[in-house]
N, C-alpha and C. Protein backbone atom coordinates (compact mmCIF):
# COMPACT_ATOMS: atom_id res chain seq x y z
N MET A 1 1.14 -0.96 -0.24
CA MET A 1 0.51 0.13 0.18
C MET A 1 0.25 0.88 0.21
N LEU A 2 2.11 1.21 1.21
CA LEU A 2 2.80 2.70 0.66
C LEU A 2 4.21 2.68 -0.50
N GLU A 3 3.71 1.73 -1.15
CA GLU A 3 4.55 1.56 -1.94
C GLU A 3 3.71 2.37 -3.60
N ARG A 4 2.13 1.70 -2.92
CA ARG A 4 1.10 2.43 -4.36
C ARG A 4 1.49 3.79 -4.56
N LEU A 5 0.93 4.42 -2.75
CA LEU A 5 0.32 5.32 -2.54
C LEU A 5 2.09 6.66 -3.05
N THR A 6 3.07 6.25 -3.11
CA THR A 6 4.00 6.81 -3.10
C THR A 6 4.51 6.54 -4.08
N ALA A 7 3.98 5.91 -5.00
CA ALA A 7 3.93 5.90 -6.61
C ALA A 7 3.68 7.14 -7.10
N GLU A 8 1.82 6.84 -6.56
CA GLU A 8 0.53 7.57 -7.11
C GLU A 8 1.29 9.14 -7.08
N ARG A 9 1.88 9.64 -5.37
CA ARG A 9 1.72 11.55 -5.02
C ARG A 9 2.97 12.04 -5.74
N ILE A 10 4.00 10.67 -5.71
CA ILE A 10 4.90 11.12 -5.49
C ILE A 10 5.62 10.96 -7.29
N GLY A 11 5.48 10.29 -7.68
CA GLY A 11 5.91 8.90 -8.42
C GLY A 11 7.71 8.65 -8.06
N ARG A 12 7.17 7.78 -7.09
CA ARG A 12 8.48 6.84 -7.03
C ARG A 12 8.35 5.72 -6.25
N ARG A 13 8.44 4.84 -6.41
CA ARG A 13 8.32 3.75 -6.11
C ARG A 13 10.04 3.10 -5.26
N GLU A 14 9.41 1.94 -4.66
CA GLU A 14 10.41 1.08 -3.72
C GLU A 14 10.98 2.09 -3.40
N LEU A 15 10.42 2.71 -2.48
CA LEU A 15 11.13 2.98 -1.08
C LEU A 15 10.46 2.96 0.10
N TRP A 16 10.23 1.64 -0.14
CA TRP A 16 9.91 1.04 1.25
C TRP A 16 10.04 -0.33 0.83
N PRO A 17 11.02 -1.13 1.81
CA PRO A 17 11.17 -0.53 3.17
C PRO A 17 12.31 0.85 3.51
N LEU A 18 12.10 1.76 4.84
CA LEU A 18 12.26 2.82 4.00
C LEU A 18 13.95 2.75 4.36
N ASP A 19 14.63 3.59 3.26
CA ASP A 19 16.35 3.78 3.53
C ASP A 19 16.78 5.14 3.25
N PRO A 20 16.41 5.78 4.04
CA PRO A 20 16.56 7.30 4.18
C PRO A 20 18.14 7.39 4.08
N GLY A 21 19.57 6.70 3.64
CA GLY A 21 20.45 7.25 3.15
C GLY A 21 20.65 6.89 1.38
N ALA A 22 19.12 6.15 1.29
CA ALA A 22 19.73 6.31 -0.44
C ALA A 22 18.96 7.21 -0.92
N TRP A 23 18.05 8.24 0.39
CA TRP A 23 16.92 9.49 -0.76
C TRP A 23 18.00 10.82 -1.21
N ASP A 24 17.46 11.27 -2.45
CA ASP A 24 18.46 12.66 -2.62
C ASP A 24 17.40 13.37 -1.48
N GLU A 25 17.95 14.62 -1.49
CA GLU A 25 16.73 15.76 -1.07
C GLU A 25 16.30 15.71 -1.53
N ASP A 26 15.55 16.23 -2.41
CA ASP A 26 13.95 16.06 -3.25
C ASP A 26 13.35 15.10 -2.71
N THR A 27 13.64 13.50 -2.65
CA THR A 27 12.90 12.52 -2.06
C THR A 27 12.80 12.57 -0.72
N PHE A 28 13.57 12.64 -0.34
CA PHE A 28 12.71 13.44 1.67
C PHE A 28 11.83 14.30 1.39
N TYR A 29 12.07 15.32 0.76
CA TYR A 29 10.95 16.57 0.75
C TYR A 29 10.10 16.39 0.02
N ASP A 30 10.13 15.37 -0.37
CA ASP A 30 8.37 15.41 -1.13
C ASP A 30 7.71 14.35 -0.01
N LEU A 31 8.35 13.13 1.13
CA LEU A 31 8.02 12.43 1.14
C LEU A 31 7.32 13.09 2.60
N ILE A 32 7.85 14.09 2.84
CA ILE A 32 7.36 15.04 3.93
C ILE A 32 6.06 15.91 3.55
N GLU A 33 5.80 16.39 2.78
CA GLU A 33 4.55 16.68 1.68
C GLU A 33 3.10 15.73 1.54
N MET A 34 3.98 14.46 1.50
CA MET A 34 3.17 13.10 1.19
C MET A 34 2.57 13.30 2.69
N VAL A 35 3.03 12.68 3.80
CA VAL A 35 2.84 12.08 4.58
C VAL A 35 1.99 13.68 5.55
N HIS A 36 1.91 14.94 5.01
CA HIS A 36 0.86 15.69 5.61
C HIS A 36 0.31 15.70 5.13
N ASP A 37 -0.45 15.60 3.86
CA ASP A 37 -1.20 15.07 2.83
C ASP A 37 -2.33 13.81 3.33
N LEU A 38 -1.84 13.57 4.46
CA LEU A 38 -2.27 11.98 4.61
C LEU A 38 -2.98 11.62 5.76
N VAL A 39 -1.81 12.85 6.88
CA VAL A 39 -1.49 12.39 8.05
C VAL A 39 -3.39 12.75 9.28
N ALA A 40 -3.89 12.19 9.98
CA ALA A 40 -4.74 13.16 10.73
C ALA A 40 -4.69 12.39 12.20
N ARG A 41 -5.28 13.62 12.90
CA ARG A 41 -5.06 13.28 14.87
C ARG A 41 -6.55 12.63 14.68
N PRO A 42 -5.70 11.32 15.69
CA PRO A 42 -7.51 10.44 16.20
C PRO A 42 -7.89 11.31 17.65
N ARG A 43 -9.33 11.29 17.72
CA ARG A 43 -10.03 12.37 18.40
C ARG A 43 -11.00 11.05 19.58
N ASP A 44 -10.76 9.42 19.12
CA ASP A 44 -10.84 8.52 20.15
C ASP A 44 -9.76 7.93 20.03
N ARG A 45 -9.84 6.79 21.66
CA ARG A 45 -9.38 5.21 21.28
C ARG A 45 -9.33 4.42 21.74
N TRP A 46 -9.48 3.16 21.90
CA TRP A 46 -9.70 2.18 22.64
C TRP A 46 -9.66 1.15 22.98
N THR A 47 -9.20 0.67 23.52
CA THR A 47 -8.60 -0.69 23.97
C THR A 47 -9.88 -2.20 24.41
N HIS A 48 -8.94 -3.54 24.20
CA HIS A 48 -9.91 -4.48 25.05
C HIS A 48 -8.77 -5.35 25.11
N ASP A 49 -9.01 -6.36 26.07
CA ASP A 49 -8.76 -7.66 26.05
C ASP A 49 -8.33 -8.73 26.10
N PHE A 50 -8.35 -9.36 24.36
CA PHE A 50 -8.35 -10.06 23.97
C PHE A 50 -7.56 -9.72 22.82
N GLY A 51 -6.55 -10.50 22.22
CA GLY A 51 -5.09 -10.11 20.96
C GLY A 51 -4.16 -9.57 20.67
N ASP A 52 -3.98 -8.56 22.15
CA ASP A 52 -2.87 -8.17 22.22
C ASP A 52 -2.84 -6.53 21.82
N CYS A 53 -3.54 -6.68 20.77
CA CYS A 53 -3.30 -5.69 20.07
C CYS A 53 -2.23 -3.96 20.26
N GLY A 54 -3.08 -3.46 21.41
CA GLY A 54 -2.85 -2.55 21.70
C GLY A 54 -4.00 -1.35 21.72
N PHE A 55 -4.50 -0.10 21.74
CA PHE A 55 -4.80 0.63 21.61
C PHE A 55 -6.01 0.99 20.31
N HIS A 56 -7.25 1.19 19.70
CA HIS A 56 -7.60 1.40 18.28
C HIS A 56 -7.69 2.71 17.93
N TYR A 57 -8.50 3.60 17.65
CA TYR A 57 -8.03 5.49 17.00
C TYR A 57 -9.28 4.84 16.42
N GLY A 58 -9.93 6.34 16.40
CA GLY A 58 -10.77 6.47 15.65
C GLY A 58 -11.59 8.41 15.64
N SER A 59 -12.25 8.41 14.82
CA SER A 59 -12.77 9.78 14.52
C SER A 59 -11.86 11.32 14.24
N PHE A 60 -11.34 10.85 13.48
CA PHE A 60 -9.84 11.69 12.72
C PHE A 60 -10.48 12.31 12.25
N ALA A 61 -8.96 13.80 12.94
CA ALA A 61 -9.64 15.02 12.63
C ALA A 61 -7.91 15.67 11.40
N VAL A 62 -8.92 15.87 10.62
CA VAL A 62 -6.88 16.35 9.37
C VAL A 62 -6.36 17.69 9.75
N ARG A 63 -7.71 18.47 9.96
CA ARG A 63 -7.10 19.70 10.28
C ARG A 63 -5.96 20.24 11.25
N THR A 64 -6.60 19.42 12.94
CA THR A 64 -5.77 19.72 13.35
C THR A 64 -4.53 18.47 13.23
N GLY A 65 -4.41 17.31 12.92
CA GLY A 65 -3.18 16.53 12.99
C GLY A 65 -3.06 17.09 11.77
N GLN A 66 -2.50 17.53 10.88
CA GLN A 66 -2.14 18.60 9.71
C GLN A 66 -1.11 19.52 10.49
N ALA A 67 -1.90 20.78 10.87
CA ALA A 67 -1.39 21.48 12.29
C ALA A 67 -0.10 20.83 13.25
N VAL A 68 -1.04 19.72 14.19
CA VAL A 68 0.10 19.41 14.83
C VAL A 68 1.66 19.42 13.81
N TYR A 69 1.56 18.64 12.97
CA TYR A 69 2.52 17.16 12.02
C TYR A 69 2.98 18.81 11.62
N ARG A 70 3.25 20.04 10.82
CA ARG A 70 4.02 21.15 10.68
C ARG A 70 4.52 21.35 11.65
N TRP A 71 3.82 21.42 12.57
CA TRP A 71 4.69 22.39 13.97
C TRP A 71 5.91 21.30 14.24
N ARG A 72 5.87 20.13 14.75
CA ARG A 72 6.97 18.60 14.88
C ARG A 72 7.97 19.42 14.09
N VAL A 73 7.53 19.15 12.69
CA VAL A 73 8.24 18.90 11.56
C VAL A 73 9.05 20.03 11.19
N ASN A 74 8.38 20.80 11.42
CA ASN A 74 8.93 22.79 11.52
C ASN A 74 9.99 22.85 13.02
N GLU A 75 10.06 21.83 14.10
CA GLU A 75 10.93 22.46 14.78
C GLU A 75 12.06 21.36 14.61
N LEU A 76 11.96 20.09 13.43
CA LEU A 76 13.18 19.70 13.19
C LEU A 76 13.37 19.97 12.22
N LEU A 77 13.00 20.40 11.13
CA LEU A 77 14.12 21.23 10.49
C LEU A 77 14.97 22.13 10.36
N ALA A 78 14.42 23.02 11.66
CA ALA A 78 14.97 24.18 11.97
C ALA A 78 16.27 24.10 13.06
N ARG A 79 15.89 22.97 14.17
CA ARG A 79 16.64 21.67 14.88
C ARG A 79 17.93 22.25 14.34
N HIS A 80 18.25 21.91 12.46
CA HIS A 80 19.41 21.03 11.89
C HIS A 80 19.38 21.61 10.96
N GLY A 81 19.06 23.26 11.10
CA GLY A 81 19.15 24.36 9.54
C GLY A 81 19.46 23.83 8.48
N ALA A 82 17.63 23.26 8.75
CA ALA A 82 17.76 23.89 6.92
C ALA A 82 16.11 25.43 6.70
N ASP A 83 16.86 25.25 5.67
CA ASP A 83 16.48 26.70 5.27
C ASP A 83 14.67 26.68 4.40
N VAL A 84 14.04 25.70 4.34
CA VAL A 84 12.71 25.39 4.42
C VAL A 84 11.54 25.68 5.52
N ARG A 85 10.74 25.24 5.66
CA ARG A 85 9.35 24.73 6.35
C ARG A 85 7.87 24.83 6.02
N LEU A 86 7.46 23.95 5.97
CA LEU A 86 5.89 24.10 6.09
C LEU A 86 5.30 24.64 6.36
N ALA A 87 4.50 25.36 5.38
CA ALA A 87 4.10 26.70 5.14
C ALA A 87 2.54 26.24 6.17
N ASP A 88 2.57 27.09 6.94
CA ASP A 88 1.10 27.23 7.24
C ASP A 88 -0.36 27.98 6.83
N ASN A 89 0.17 28.43 6.03
CA ASN A 89 -0.87 29.69 5.58
C ASN A 89 -0.70 30.29 4.32
N GLY A 90 -1.18 30.01 3.17
CA GLY A 90 -1.43 30.73 1.54
C GLY A 90 -2.27 29.31 0.95
N GLU A 91 -1.78 29.39 -0.30
CA GLU A 91 -2.46 29.09 -1.21
C GLU A 91 -1.38 27.18 -0.82
N ASP A 92 0.01 27.43 -0.64
CA ASP A 92 0.93 26.76 -0.52
C ASP A 92 1.08 25.81 1.12
N ALA A 93 0.58 25.52 1.96
CA ALA A 93 -0.25 25.21 2.41
C ALA A 93 0.51 23.87 2.66
N GLY A 94 0.60 23.16 3.75
CA GLY A 94 1.15 22.11 3.49
C GLY A 94 2.69 22.32 3.38
N ARG A 95 3.51 22.96 2.19
CA ARG A 95 4.38 22.47 1.47
C ARG A 95 5.49 23.28 2.14
N LEU A 96 6.65 22.65 1.88
CA LEU A 96 7.74 23.36 1.92
C LEU A 96 8.13 23.88 1.12
N VAL A 97 8.25 25.44 2.21
CA VAL A 97 8.93 26.19 1.43
C VAL A 97 9.83 26.90 1.66
N HIS A 98 10.72 27.90 1.29
CA HIS A 98 11.48 28.71 1.19
C HIS A 98 11.67 29.82 2.35
N ILE A 99 12.60 29.74 3.40
CA ILE A 99 12.14 31.65 4.54
C ILE A 99 13.87 31.95 4.51
N ALA A 100 12.98 32.96 4.87
CA ALA A 100 14.53 34.19 5.05
C ALA A 100 14.68 33.46 6.20
N GLY A 101 14.50 33.43 7.09
CA GLY A 101 14.90 33.74 8.30
C GLY A 101 15.72 35.02 9.76
N ASP A 102 14.13 35.86 8.82
CA ASP A 102 14.08 36.26 9.89
C ASP A 102 13.03 37.74 9.91
N ASP A 103 12.97 38.60 9.99
CA ASP A 103 11.83 39.91 9.85
C ASP A 103 10.63 39.77 8.91
N ARG A 104 11.04 39.48 7.65
CA ARG A 104 10.66 39.01 6.51
C ARG A 104 9.84 37.79 6.14
N ASP A 105 9.73 36.96 7.84
CA ASP A 105 8.90 36.28 7.51
C ASP A 105 8.30 36.41 7.76
N GLU A 106 7.81 37.41 9.07
CA GLU A 106 7.34 38.24 9.49
C GLU A 106 5.67 38.97 8.65
N LEU A 107 6.97 39.91 7.63
CA LEU A 107 6.17 40.18 6.25
C LEU A 107 5.18 39.59 5.67
N VAL A 108 6.23 38.49 5.44
CA VAL A 108 4.79 37.71 4.61
C VAL A 108 3.77 37.17 5.20
N GLU A 109 3.97 35.97 6.67
CA GLU A 109 2.61 35.84 7.37
C GLU A 109 1.55 37.27 7.55
N ARG A 110 2.21 38.85 7.62
CA ARG A 110 1.23 39.83 7.51
C ARG A 110 0.48 40.34 6.17
N ALA A 111 1.21 39.69 5.47
CA ALA A 111 1.07 40.16 3.61
C ALA A 111 -0.10 39.15 3.52
N LEU A 112 0.34 38.00 4.24
CA LEU A 112 -0.75 36.38 4.18
C LEU A 112 -2.30 37.28 4.28
N ALA A 113 -2.22 37.73 5.39
CA ALA A 113 -3.60 37.80 5.62
C ALA A 113 -4.33 39.39 5.27
N THR A 114 -3.59 39.71 3.85
CA THR A 114 -3.99 41.37 4.11
C THR A 114 -5.43 41.14 3.66
N PRO A 115 -6.23 42.31 4.29
CA PRO A 115 -7.47 42.81 4.84
C PRO A 115 -8.37 42.14 2.92
N ASP A 116 -7.79 43.24 2.06
CA ASP A 116 -8.37 42.93 0.89
C ASP A 116 -8.90 42.30 0.32
N PRO A 117 -9.94 41.62 0.16
CA PRO A 117 -10.60 40.33 -0.98
C PRO A 117 -10.08 40.41 -2.43
N ARG A 118 -10.65 41.55 -2.78
CA ARG A 118 -9.81 41.57 -4.15
C ARG A 118 -8.27 41.62 -4.21
N ASP A 119 -7.68 41.81 -3.54
CA ASP A 119 -6.19 41.29 -3.17
C ASP A 119 -6.07 40.17 -3.12
N ARG A 120 -6.25 39.83 -1.42
CA ARG A 120 -5.73 38.52 -1.16
C ARG A 120 -5.15 37.23 -2.33
N ASP A 121 -5.69 36.62 -3.03
CA ASP A 121 -5.79 36.23 -4.11
C ASP A 121 -3.71 35.91 -4.61
N ALA A 122 -3.98 36.79 -4.96
CA ALA A 122 -2.87 38.04 -5.49
C ALA A 122 -2.46 37.72 -5.29
N VAL A 123 -2.01 37.93 -4.06
CA VAL A 123 -0.51 38.70 -3.15
C VAL A 123 0.06 37.15 -2.74
N ARG A 124 -1.53 36.44 -2.22
CA ARG A 124 -1.16 34.89 -1.54
C ARG A 124 0.20 33.08 -2.62
N HIS A 125 -1.15 34.51 -4.12
CA HIS A 125 -0.18 33.29 -5.48
C HIS A 125 1.48 34.18 -5.41
N ALA A 126 1.53 34.80 -5.00
CA ALA A 126 2.80 35.66 -5.88
C ALA A 126 3.59 35.75 -4.46
N ILE A 127 3.76 34.97 -3.41
CA ILE A 127 4.21 34.15 -2.78
C ILE A 127 4.44 33.10 -2.57
N ALA A 128 3.44 32.55 -2.66
CA ALA A 128 3.80 30.26 -3.21
C ALA A 128 4.79 30.36 -4.37
N LEU A 129 4.79 31.80 -5.33
CA LEU A 129 5.49 31.48 -6.46
C LEU A 129 6.78 31.30 -6.07
N PHE A 130 7.08 33.03 -5.14
CA PHE A 130 8.12 33.15 -4.63
C PHE A 130 9.19 32.02 -3.71
N ARG A 131 8.43 31.55 -2.57
CA ARG A 131 9.18 30.99 -2.12
C ARG A 131 8.72 29.32 -2.46
N GLY A 132 8.66 29.17 -3.25
CA GLY A 132 8.34 27.97 -3.62
C GLY A 132 9.93 26.59 -3.52
N ARG A 133 9.54 26.30 -2.99
CA ARG A 133 11.45 25.50 -2.73
C ARG A 133 12.32 24.86 -4.51
N GLY A 134 11.40 24.96 -5.33
CA GLY A 134 12.03 24.94 -6.62
C GLY A 134 11.76 25.86 -7.81
N ALA A 135 11.44 27.35 -7.19
CA ALA A 135 10.99 28.51 -7.76
C ALA A 135 11.85 28.50 -9.15
N THR A 136 11.99 28.46 -9.72
CA THR A 136 12.80 29.88 -10.71
C THR A 136 12.81 31.54 -11.36
N ARG A 137 13.79 31.66 -11.97
CA ARG A 137 13.85 33.47 -11.78
C ARG A 137 12.83 33.68 -12.15
N GLU A 138 11.73 32.51 -12.90
CA GLU A 138 10.62 32.83 -14.16
C GLU A 138 10.21 33.44 -13.16
N GLU A 139 9.60 32.13 -12.16
CA GLU A 139 8.24 32.21 -11.33
C GLU A 139 8.58 33.22 -10.16
N LYS A 140 10.52 33.77 -10.10
CA LYS A 140 10.28 34.86 -9.37
C LYS A 140 9.61 36.44 -9.90
N ARG A 141 10.37 36.25 -11.58
CA ARG A 141 9.73 37.37 -11.47
C ARG A 141 8.54 37.09 -12.03
N SER A 142 7.21 36.05 -12.08
CA SER A 142 5.93 36.93 -12.12
C SER A 142 5.59 36.67 -10.92
N ALA A 143 6.00 36.89 -9.37
CA ALA A 143 5.62 37.02 -8.18
C ALA A 143 5.56 38.10 -8.10
N ALA A 144 6.76 39.18 -8.45
CA ALA A 144 7.14 40.45 -8.77
C ALA A 144 6.01 41.08 -9.67
N ALA A 145 4.98 40.53 -10.33
CA ALA A 145 4.61 41.50 -11.47
C ALA A 145 3.39 40.75 -11.30
N ALA A 146 3.16 40.55 -10.27
CA ALA A 146 1.73 40.19 -9.15
C ALA A 146 1.90 41.14 -8.18
N LEU A 147 2.56 41.54 -7.85
CA LEU A 147 1.83 42.10 -6.82
C LEU A 147 2.36 43.91 -7.16
N ALA A 148 3.30 43.98 -8.53
CA ALA A 148 3.02 45.13 -9.50
C ALA A 148 1.95 45.08 -9.72
N ARG A 149 0.86 44.38 -9.91
CA ARG A 149 -0.95 44.23 -10.45
C ARG A 149 -1.39 45.47 -9.29
N VAL A 150 -0.86 44.14 -8.09
CA VAL A 150 -1.40 45.02 -7.22
C VAL A 150 -1.44 46.01 -6.90
N LEU A 151 -0.01 46.88 -7.13
CA LEU A 151 0.51 47.93 -6.05
C LEU A 151 -0.29 49.43 -7.66
N GLU A 152 -0.08 48.69 -8.80
CA GLU A 152 -1.15 49.51 -10.10
C GLU A 152 -2.66 49.79 -9.28
N ASP A 153 -3.39 48.92 -9.06
CA ASP A 153 -4.40 49.07 -8.11
C ASP A 153 -4.62 50.62 -6.94
N ARG A 154 -3.12 50.49 -6.21
CA ARG A 154 -3.42 51.56 -5.31
C ARG A 154 -2.61 52.44 -5.79
N ARG A 155 -2.27 52.72 -6.77
CA ARG A 155 -1.58 53.75 -7.21
C ARG A 155 -1.84 55.63 -6.76
N ALA A 156 -3.09 55.79 -6.75
CA ALA A 156 -3.64 56.67 -6.31
C ALA A 156 -3.48 56.75 -4.50
N LEU A 157 -3.68 55.64 -3.46
CA LEU A 157 -3.00 56.09 -2.54
C LEU A 157 -1.58 56.24 -2.53
N LEU A 158 -0.21 55.57 -3.53
CA LEU A 158 0.74 55.99 -2.88
C LEU A 158 0.97 56.72 -3.38
N LYS A 159 0.73 57.45 -4.93
CA LYS A 159 0.78 58.56 -4.77
C LYS A 159 -0.10 60.44 -3.83
N GLN A 160 -0.81 59.59 -3.00
CA GLN A 160 -1.12 60.53 -2.10
C GLN A 160 -0.10 60.50 -0.53
N GLU A 161 0.18 59.20 -0.67
CA GLU A 161 1.21 58.75 1.26
C GLU A 161 2.71 58.67 1.02
N LEU A 162 3.02 58.65 -0.43
CA LEU A 162 4.30 58.71 -0.58
C LEU A 162 4.97 59.71 -1.02
N PHE A 163 6.25 60.58 -1.77
CA PHE A 163 7.10 61.18 -2.68
C PHE A 163 6.69 61.37 -3.77
N SER A 164 6.86 62.02 -4.10
CA SER A 164 6.42 61.38 -6.48
C SER A 164 7.62 60.23 -6.27
N LYS A 165 8.60 60.78 -6.01
CA LYS A 165 10.03 60.02 -6.88
C LYS A 165 9.89 57.86 -6.12
N ASP A 166 9.51 58.47 -5.30
CA ASP A 166 9.49 57.49 -4.52
C ASP A 166 8.21 55.98 -5.05
N GLU A 167 7.28 56.63 -5.35
CA GLU A 167 6.05 55.62 -6.06
C GLU A 167 6.17 56.01 -7.94
N GLY A 168 6.73 56.44 -8.27
CA GLY A 168 7.05 56.71 -9.43
C GLY A 168 8.63 55.88 -9.45
N ALA A 169 9.01 55.30 -9.04
CA ALA A 169 10.26 54.43 -9.18
C ALA A 169 9.67 52.93 -8.83
N LEU A 170 8.75 52.82 -7.99
CA LEU A 170 7.96 51.00 -7.75
C LEU A 170 7.54 50.83 -8.71
N PHE A 171 6.79 52.03 -9.40
CA PHE A 171 6.39 51.24 -11.06
C PHE A 171 7.95 51.40 -12.91
N GLN A 172 8.48 52.33 -12.12
CA GLN A 172 9.23 52.37 -13.59
C GLN A 172 10.71 50.96 -13.51
N ILE A 173 10.75 50.61 -12.37
CA ILE A 173 11.60 49.26 -12.20
C ILE A 173 10.88 47.87 -12.96
N ALA A 174 9.67 48.10 -12.30
CA ALA A 174 8.91 47.23 -12.59
C ALA A 174 8.61 47.21 -14.65
N ASN A 175 8.26 48.27 -14.82
CA ASN A 175 8.48 48.63 -16.61
C ASN A 175 9.40 47.96 -17.80
N GLU A 176 10.20 48.69 -16.45
CA GLU A 176 11.47 49.03 -17.14
C GLU A 176 12.79 47.67 -17.63
N PHE A 177 12.61 47.06 -16.19
CA PHE A 177 13.23 45.80 -16.00
C PHE A 177 12.50 44.36 -15.52
N ASP A 178 11.98 44.21 -17.39
CA ASP A 178 11.04 43.07 -17.55
C ASP A 178 10.66 41.73 -17.04
N ILE A 179 9.70 42.78 -15.96
CA ILE A 179 8.90 42.30 -14.89
C ILE A 179 7.55 42.32 -15.43
N ARG A 180 7.06 43.75 -15.68
CA ARG A 180 5.69 43.47 -15.91
C ARG A 180 5.35 43.28 -17.95
N HIS A 181 6.28 44.48 -18.73
CA HIS A 181 5.80 44.87 -20.45
C HIS A 181 7.02 43.29 -20.61
N ARG A 182 7.62 42.18 -21.31
CA ARG A 182 8.06 41.75 -21.16
C ARG A 182 8.30 41.22 -22.63
N GLY A 183 9.70 42.21 -23.25
CA GLY A 183 8.87 42.21 -24.47
C GLY A 183 8.99 43.79 -25.27
N VAL A 184 8.46 44.64 -24.13
CA VAL A 184 8.48 46.64 -24.35
C VAL A 184 9.38 47.16 -24.74
N ARG A 185 9.22 48.21 -25.39
CA ARG A 185 10.93 48.98 -25.23
C ARG A 185 10.29 50.21 -24.03
N GLY A 186 11.03 50.63 -23.37
CA GLY A 186 10.81 51.74 -22.25
C GLY A 186 10.64 52.97 -22.90
N PRO A 187 10.28 54.12 -21.71
CA PRO A 187 10.10 55.44 -22.66
C PRO A 187 11.50 55.21 -23.64
N HIS A 188 10.98 55.91 -25.17
CA HIS A 188 12.31 56.95 -25.45
C HIS A 188 12.66 55.61 -26.20
N GLY A 189 12.64 54.52 -26.34
CA GLY A 189 11.96 53.23 -27.03
C GLY A 189 13.05 52.77 -26.64
N LYS A 190 13.39 52.66 -25.18
CA LYS A 190 14.72 52.20 -24.58
C LYS A 190 14.28 50.39 -24.23
N ALA A 191 15.17 49.54 -24.50
CA ALA A 191 15.02 48.46 -24.83
C ALA A 191 15.07 47.98 -23.01
N GLN A 192 14.51 46.83 -22.88
CA GLN A 192 14.39 46.38 -21.23
C GLN A 192 15.61 46.20 -20.86
N GLN A 193 15.66 46.12 -19.45
CA GLN A 193 16.65 45.47 -18.27
C GLN A 193 16.02 45.08 -18.25
N GLU A 194 17.28 43.29 -18.38
CA GLU A 194 16.86 41.58 -18.07
C GLU A 194 17.69 41.29 -17.72
N ASP A 195 18.84 41.87 -17.72
CA ASP A 195 20.68 41.03 -17.37
C ASP A 195 21.49 40.97 -16.13
N TYR A 196 20.15 41.75 -15.15
CA TYR A 196 20.51 41.25 -13.56
C TYR A 196 20.25 40.32 -13.23
N ALA A 197 21.26 40.37 -11.63
CA ALA A 197 20.94 39.31 -11.10
C ALA A 197 19.99 38.82 -10.04
N ASP A 198 20.12 37.42 -9.54
CA ASP A 198 18.93 36.92 -9.51
C ASP A 198 18.51 37.52 -8.31
N VAL A 199 19.39 38.31 -7.18
CA VAL A 199 19.28 38.71 -6.07
C VAL A 199 19.02 39.97 -5.92
N PHE A 200 18.97 40.94 -7.02
CA PHE A 200 18.30 41.79 -7.90
C PHE A 200 16.64 41.77 -7.85
N LEU A 201 16.61 40.41 -8.27
CA LEU A 201 14.56 39.80 -8.17
C LEU A 201 13.84 39.56 -6.94
N ASP A 202 14.62 39.54 -6.27
CA ASP A 202 14.55 38.91 -4.99
C ASP A 202 14.32 40.22 -4.20
N TRP A 203 14.92 41.32 -4.55
CA TRP A 203 14.97 41.91 -3.86
C TRP A 203 13.87 42.88 -4.20
N VAL A 204 13.52 42.84 -5.11
CA VAL A 204 12.40 43.84 -5.29
C VAL A 204 11.28 43.19 -4.99
N PHE A 205 11.31 42.10 -4.81
CA PHE A 205 9.71 41.25 -4.71
C PHE A 205 9.50 41.93 -2.80
N TRP A 206 10.69 41.57 -3.24
CA TRP A 206 10.12 41.81 -1.13
C TRP A 206 10.34 43.91 -1.31
N TRP A 207 10.77 44.65 -2.15
CA TRP A 207 10.74 45.93 -1.83
C TRP A 207 8.46 46.17 -2.29
N TYR A 208 8.95 45.16 -2.77
CA TYR A 208 6.92 45.17 -3.77
C TYR A 208 6.26 45.07 -2.04
N LEU A 209 6.19 43.87 -2.59
CA LEU A 209 5.92 43.21 -0.97
C LEU A 209 5.34 44.11 0.69
N ALA A 210 6.75 44.23 1.18
CA ALA A 210 6.33 45.32 1.91
C ALA A 210 5.64 46.57 1.58
N THR A 211 5.52 46.98 0.38
CA THR A 211 4.94 47.63 0.09
C THR A 211 3.46 47.74 -0.23
N VAL A 212 3.21 46.55 -0.33
CA VAL A 212 1.65 46.36 -0.07
C VAL A 212 1.01 46.38 1.25
N GLU A 213 2.39 45.48 2.24
CA GLU A 213 1.93 45.25 3.49
C GLU A 213 1.53 46.95 4.05
N LEU A 214 2.48 47.87 3.69
CA LEU A 214 2.33 49.40 4.04
C LEU A 214 1.44 49.67 3.49
N THR A 215 0.66 49.03 2.40
CA THR A 215 -0.88 50.16 1.72
C THR A 215 -1.83 49.41 2.80
N ASP A 216 -1.67 48.29 3.15
CA ASP A 216 -2.92 48.02 3.81
C ASP A 216 -2.91 48.45 5.07
N ARG A 217 -2.36 49.05 5.66
CA ARG A 217 -1.69 49.27 6.40
C ARG A 217 -2.94 50.35 6.57
N LEU A 218 -2.29 51.46 5.41
CA LEU A 218 -2.67 53.10 5.09
C LEU A 218 -4.53 52.77 4.78
N LEU A 219 -4.61 51.68 4.58
CA LEU A 219 -5.42 51.80 3.84
C LEU A 219 -6.83 51.04 4.98
N ALA A 220 -6.33 50.26 6.33
CA ALA A 220 -6.87 50.06 7.99
C ALA A 220 -6.98 52.16 8.60
N GLU A 221 -6.01 52.58 8.09
CA GLU A 221 -6.34 53.34 8.86
C GLU A 221 -6.70 54.49 8.11
N GLN A 222 -7.59 54.59 7.19
CA GLN A 222 -8.21 55.34 6.35
C GLN A 222 -9.49 54.98 6.89
N SER A 223 -10.23 53.44 7.12
CA SER A 223 -10.71 53.49 7.20
C SER A 223 -11.38 53.24 8.67
N SER A 224 -10.13 53.10 9.80
CA SER A 224 -11.13 53.29 10.93
C SER A 224 -11.79 55.10 11.81
N THR A 225 -10.53 55.49 10.62
CA THR A 225 -11.47 57.10 10.98
C THR A 225 -12.34 57.63 10.60
N PRO A 226 -12.81 58.58 11.43
CA PRO A 226 -14.22 58.55 11.86
C PRO A 226 -14.36 59.97 10.13
């Protein structure tokens, strides 16, 4: 049964009996995610006085079991210095995602809870694209582009609250650095700049995400003002 499950869910056979020494990192991480999808926590248990078979369990709670599993696995990953964790929230909940290991992880959690329902799915999708353990440069570019679209919808607020040069720089980067309008020449026929390092693209994403979170707070302040 276990061999069938691993074949169906992660496309790998012959993983049973378990031999951790024979796994590569991707196989190990795939197994962690597979178990997350299958685990559940029993609400009831009982025993009987024959068969010597120990406790029996029933009335399983999937969400509770998965939450406990994520907590325990994340503890073990942190203890051993891994740079991934099982996501608790977002469209990638239950998937192993890269963490920053600093205050940016708290920024992600705040952004995932963006109160505007029109933007919530877009922000969650952008975060899932960017932090996936196998995220490519193209996926990270798409993540930055998705956040740029959210900020475009809030441009009036940005013009009102930020210095004009700051607001303009947000969209200049999106429009001229091969993020939003790919293959389209910028102002004055200038070609898109695309030969930059991945670390610059990472910086753009974090800048945009922080600005999304800032505008969330500004919108909340506006709605609470009599």
